[in-house]
Amino acid sequence: MDLSFIDFDVGVYNELGEERVSPRSGKIYYKPVVSLKPVKGMVFDSVELAYGFYVSYAHASGFSVRKNSAYTNNGLLKLKYYVCSKEGFKSGKDHNHSFVHKDDIQFLTSARRVDYVKESVIQALSQVNLGPVRAFNILKSLYGGYEQVGAIKNDFKNFKTRQSEYISEYDADMADENSKKSYLVFGDVVGFDATYRSNKYDMVFVRFTGIDNHNRNITLGAALLGSETADSYRWLLREYAHAFGSAPKVVVTDQDAAMKRAIQDVFPNSRHRLCMWHIWEKVTSKVGPATPNVAKFKEKLADIVWTNSITTDEFEEKWPSILSEYGLSDHEWLVNLYKIRKDWMPAYYLQENFFGVMRTTSRSENENHFFNQFCNPRSTLVEFFSHFEATVECQWYEHRGNDHHSRYTIPGYVSRISFVTEFPKKYIIRRWKKEAISNASLSSFRPEEFGENRADVEAVLRQIRFAHEYKINKLVSNKEQMCLYREYVKDYMSKADEAQVVAPPPAGEIDLQK
């Protein structure tokens, strides 16, 4: 076979720089071959700008950089050394190692950086339960390749770890300002629910859930507890009342005895109701072993439970009849359920205000499903609170979307009372109106931001992103204009790099290779 046409040099690892031999010692050393070189007399506005210039020179040459010793006098920096990352204890002018291939510069330590934009991406994706590795892969796709990211996966992981350690020093409030404003309107009926598997420490995640003017769940507050004792719940309810300024008119819970005692002690004037969904979910497991046709039994029971049109007298008549029909008259769980019927049966509080809101049906299940989209049981506490904040922000986004839909659509006319065409406004409470909460009062819910000027920087950054995306969307169908815009951006990048050197370098080269 004739192999003469094959270039056997293809694939050979060609390092940057020149390999030389010392005429005195005979040792091999390496010299950078670049046009960009530091020279004596260069002036920079700051030490960090000088470091940035040296890093650019090193990367063009094919080696990595680290900061070395510094000398100060009366607190004033007098001398600072930047050296090759392979610099040993003995100072030398020449590199005794080869330089990397130009395609491998991306792996050098000083070439990798999780900058401000990448930090923002990691933080944003973390809030929707996407970890640093997925953030890295997403940026790889957006930037067009791993080498364009400017960091490796471990850099993303390390940043996330440092961020978690930093944020863990700060406490989180039970409720933000948006929640407090919502509580004034939707805090009449509050679901008080505790669930495990919210974080890897198995702490109890307690949610306070209201119902907005679109009949959707809205989170009013939350907390993490170490235990499900009456004392823990008493403390929590006192803190809740302190945060919101008052107790809710109605509190809906499951059949937890510790919750019931805490509510009686801390919210004595609130009406306590049991969540029908929690009760209904237990019917099959409690009654199933005792009756072969539990599905039919539940169907008949639902006719007197899940209805607003039955009176207490009718319920008292039909309940024992249904139980007798299926041989369940002496069933202990059903007997106890009947004893507390006034705490959960709609027939017993039809005349009370907000009775329609009290029937939580599958709200607890929906709420758990909603939070599970953002949270997972392996989360640390810091990650959990970040995910929780993202979940609440999503709720606010959906709430505003529902406001918009109701404001600009005309609902169909549905009534069993044909002669009623309009309800007097005095009978419609604010919580059900389209403008229950003014949208102008809702600020964007964001995690606590650190740094004195962080908010201003974020605002400018958002404007830049918007302007950049706006320009691309306008020009994407015009290649010529896209190229002109690209050259404009690249030209600005070059000007930013040139701005590091504030004085022209005089003649004479200075050896800063180490």
Foldseek 3Di string as FASTA:
>chain_A
DDPVVDDPCPPPFDFAFDWDADPPPRAIFTDFDDPQAFFPPFDFPDPVLVVVSVQVVQLNRAFGKDWDDWDDDPPHTDGTAIATPPDDPDDDQTHNDTGGGNLCSLVHPRQADCDPVNVVQQLVVLLQVDHQQVSLVVVCVVQVHNSRVRHDSVNSVVVVVVVLVVCVVDDDDFADPVLLLVCVQFVQEWEWEWDFFQAQVRWIKIWIWTAFLVRAIATNGIDTHRDLALVRLLVVQVSVCVVNVHHHQEYEYAPDPSNVVSCCVRVVNHQYAYAVQNVLVCQCVQCVVVFVPSVVLSVQVCVQAVDLPDAPVRCVVVVCVSCVVRVNNPRVVVVVCVVCCCRYGLNNCSPPPPSVRRHCHCNVVVVVVLLVSQGGHHHDPSSSVSNVLSSNLVVVVVLVVVLVPVVPDDDDDDDPPVVDDDDPPVVDDLRNDSPSDPPVPDDRRDPDDDDPCVVVVVVVVVVVVVVVVVVCVVCVVPVVVVVVVVVVVVVVVVVVSVSRGPDDHDDGGDRSND
